[in-house]
Protein backbone atom coordinates (compact mmCIF):
# COMPACT_ATOMS: atom_id res chain seq x y z
CA UNK A 1 3.57 36.69 6.24
CA UNK A 2 3.11 34.25 3.31
CA UNK A 3 -0.27 31.91 3.11
CA UNK A 4 1.71 29.14 3.98
CA UNK A 5 2.81 30.71 7.21
CA UNK A 6 -0.79 30.74 8.32
CA UNK A 7 -2.08 27.48 6.90
CA UNK A 8 -2.00 24.12 8.83
CA UNK A 9 -2.07 20.69 7.69
CA UNK A 10 -6.04 20.38 8.48
CA UNK A 11 -6.55 23.09 5.90
CA UNK A 12 -4.93 21.50 3.18
CA UNK A 13 -5.53 17.64 4.29
CA UNK A 14 -7.69 15.23 2.32
CA UNK A 15 -9.87 12.86 3.89
CA UNK A 16 -10.43 10.61 0.67
CA UNK A 17 -6.82 9.67 -0.26
CA UNK A 18 -6.36 6.65 1.84
CA UNK A 19 -8.40 3.19 2.99
CA UNK A 20 -7.78 1.34 6.06
CA UNK A 21 -6.89 -2.26 5.85
CA UNK A 22 -6.20 -4.82 8.36
CA UNK A 23 -2.48 -5.82 8.62
CA UNK A 24 -3.84 -9.48 7.69
CA UNK A 25 -4.85 -8.64 4.32
CA UNK A 26 -3.25 -9.86 1.30
CA UNK A 27 -1.45 -7.58 -1.09
CA UNK A 28 -3.92 -8.88 -4.03
CA UNK A 29 -6.79 -8.13 -1.91
CA UNK A 30 -5.41 -4.63 -0.84
CA UNK A 31 -4.92 -3.32 -4.59
CA UNK A 32 -8.19 -4.29 -5.12
CA UNK A 33 -9.32 -2.16 -2.13
CA UNK A 34 -7.15 0.18 -3.28
CA UNK A 35 -8.07 0.88 -7.08
CA UNK A 36 -11.78 0.54 -5.90
CA UNK A 37 -11.59 3.25 -3.96
CA UNK A 38 -8.93 5.07 -6.06
CA UNK A 39 -6.49 5.83 -3.23
CA UNK A 40 -3.05 6.14 -3.31
CA UNK A 41 -2.16 4.89 0.22
CA UNK A 42 -3.19 2.06 2.48
CA UNK A 43 -3.14 2.54 5.95
CA UNK A 44 -3.15 -0.18 8.63
CA UNK A 45 -5.32 -0.51 11.69
CA UNK A 46 -4.02 -0.66 15.01
CA UNK A 47 -4.13 -4.17 16.33
CA UNK A 48 -4.93 -2.77 20.07
CA UNK A 49 -5.11 0.85 21.98
CA UNK A 50 -1.48 1.31 22.18
CA UNK A 51 -0.36 0.27 19.02
CA UNK A 52 0.58 2.16 16.17
CA UNK A 53 -1.04 2.59 12.51
CA UNK A 54 1.11 1.49 9.64
CA UNK A 55 1.29 2.62 5.97
CA UNK A 56 1.61 0.79 2.76
CA UNK A 57 1.82 3.25 -0.67
CA UNK A 58 1.81 1.42 -3.97
CA UNK A 59 5.70 2.06 -4.50
CA UNK A 60 5.98 -0.26 -1.67
CA UNK A 61 4.01 -3.09 -3.05
CA UNK A 62 6.22 -2.71 -6.53
CA UNK A 63 9.45 -2.71 -4.71
CA UNK A 64 8.93 -5.19 -2.10
CA UNK A 65 6.47 -7.66 -4.05
CA UNK A 66 6.47 -6.94 -7.67
CA UNK A 67 10.32 -6.81 -7.97
CA UNK A 68 11.18 -9.48 -5.45
CA UNK A 69 8.89 -11.67 -7.41
CA UNK A 70 7.04 -12.23 -4.39
CA UNK A 71 3.27 -13.35 -4.68
CA UNK A 72 0.56 -10.89 -3.87
CA UNK A 73 -1.84 -13.63 -2.80
CA UNK A 74 0.57 -15.04 -0.51
CA UNK A 75 2.11 -11.82 1.04
CA UNK A 76 0.06 -9.90 3.77
CA UNK A 77 0.23 -6.27 4.18
CA UNK A 78 1.97 -6.45 7.64
CA UNK A 79 4.92 -7.84 5.72
CA UNK A 80 5.60 -5.16 3.77
CA UNK A 81 4.27 -1.96 5.72
CA UNK A 82 6.37 0.54 7.65
CA UNK A 83 5.29 0.74 11.15
CA UNK A 84 4.82 3.14 12.82
CA UNK A 85 3.77 5.26 10.10
CA UNK A 86 5.27 8.90 10.75
CA UNK A 87 2.01 10.84 11.31
CA UNK A 88 1.07 14.89 11.39
CA UNK A 89 -0.87 16.84 13.71
CA UNK A 90 -3.64 18.55 12.18
CA UNK A 91 -2.49 21.69 13.38
CA UNK A 92 1.01 21.63 12.17
CA UNK A 93 2.11 24.58 9.85
CA UNK A 94 2.51 23.69 6.41
CA UNK A 95 6.02 24.69 6.43
CA UNK A 96 7.26 22.49 9.17
CA UNK A 97 5.12 19.46 7.49
CA UNK A 98 7.08 20.27 4.17
CA UNK A 99 10.32 19.93 6.26
CA UNK A 100 9.25 17.14 7.93
CA UNK A 101 8.52 15.17 4.68
CA UNK A 102 12.40 16.31 3.43
CA UNK A 103 13.96 15.25 6.44
CA UNK A 104 12.29 12.05 6.47
CA UNK A 105 12.08 11.14 3.07
CA UNK A 106 8.20 10.97 2.66
CA UNK A 107 5.73 12.45 0.24
CA UNK A 108 2.59 11.66 2.39
CA UNK A 109 1.33 11.09 6.09
CA UNK A 110 -1.68 10.57 7.97
CA UNK A 111 -2.97 12.84 9.80
CA UNK A 112 -3.72 11.94 13.80
CA UNK A 113 -5.79 13.90 16.23
CA UNK A 114 -6.51 12.09 19.57
CA UNK A 115 -5.17 8.93 18.37
CA UNK A 116 -7.56 8.55 15.49
CA UNK A 117 -6.60 9.43 11.76
CA UNK A 118 -8.79 12.02 10.42
CA UNK A 119 -7.02 12.51 7.10
CA UNK A 120 -3.67 12.02 5.21
CA UNK A 121 -1.57 15.04 3.57
CA UNK A 122 0.92 14.75 0.57
CA UNK A 123 3.34 17.43 -1.08
CA UNK A 124 0.87 17.70 -3.48
CA UNK A 125 -1.66 18.98 -1.11
CA UNK A 126 0.65 21.13 0.35
CA UNK A 127 1.97 22.72 -2.46
CA UNK A 128 -1.28 22.79 -4.75
CA UNK A 129 -3.74 23.91 -2.00
CA UNK A 130 -1.33 25.60 0.48
CA UNK A 131 1.25 27.88 -1.70
CA UNK A 132 -1.46 29.08 -4.56
CA UNK A 133 -3.70 32.21 -4.12
CA UNK A 134 -7.17 31.00 -5.29
CA UNK A 135 -7.74 34.27 -6.58
CA UNK A 136 -4.88 34.53 -9.14
CA UNK A 137 -6.31 34.40 -12.94
CA UNK A 138 -4.45 33.18 -15.80
């Protein structure tokens, strides 16, 4: 049995790689939030209990705002977000998380437990923290 057969998303997820924003936040404001907090993903808060989280990555901003010559000050996050954000359970095995990413063509996802975001997982987390033994010496 390999290490990635045992490890779960909870073991490799990060809790400081995203920022929460409202859907009405402008792209201009969101970029400032991302720079200030040094994150690569913006999660869009639920508007009500039965709502779903949205997600905006920096490539979404490049493709949907910059490339289309839209004004970041007049474009709201809700206009470019992906909603619902595909989320994963913290108890999912890493190999299944990697398969899910491949199947849906995504590179990161929020980790949701009991309806609340508790972290973010990415291919980088899976590979760097889930596939390499820490005791390997150079």
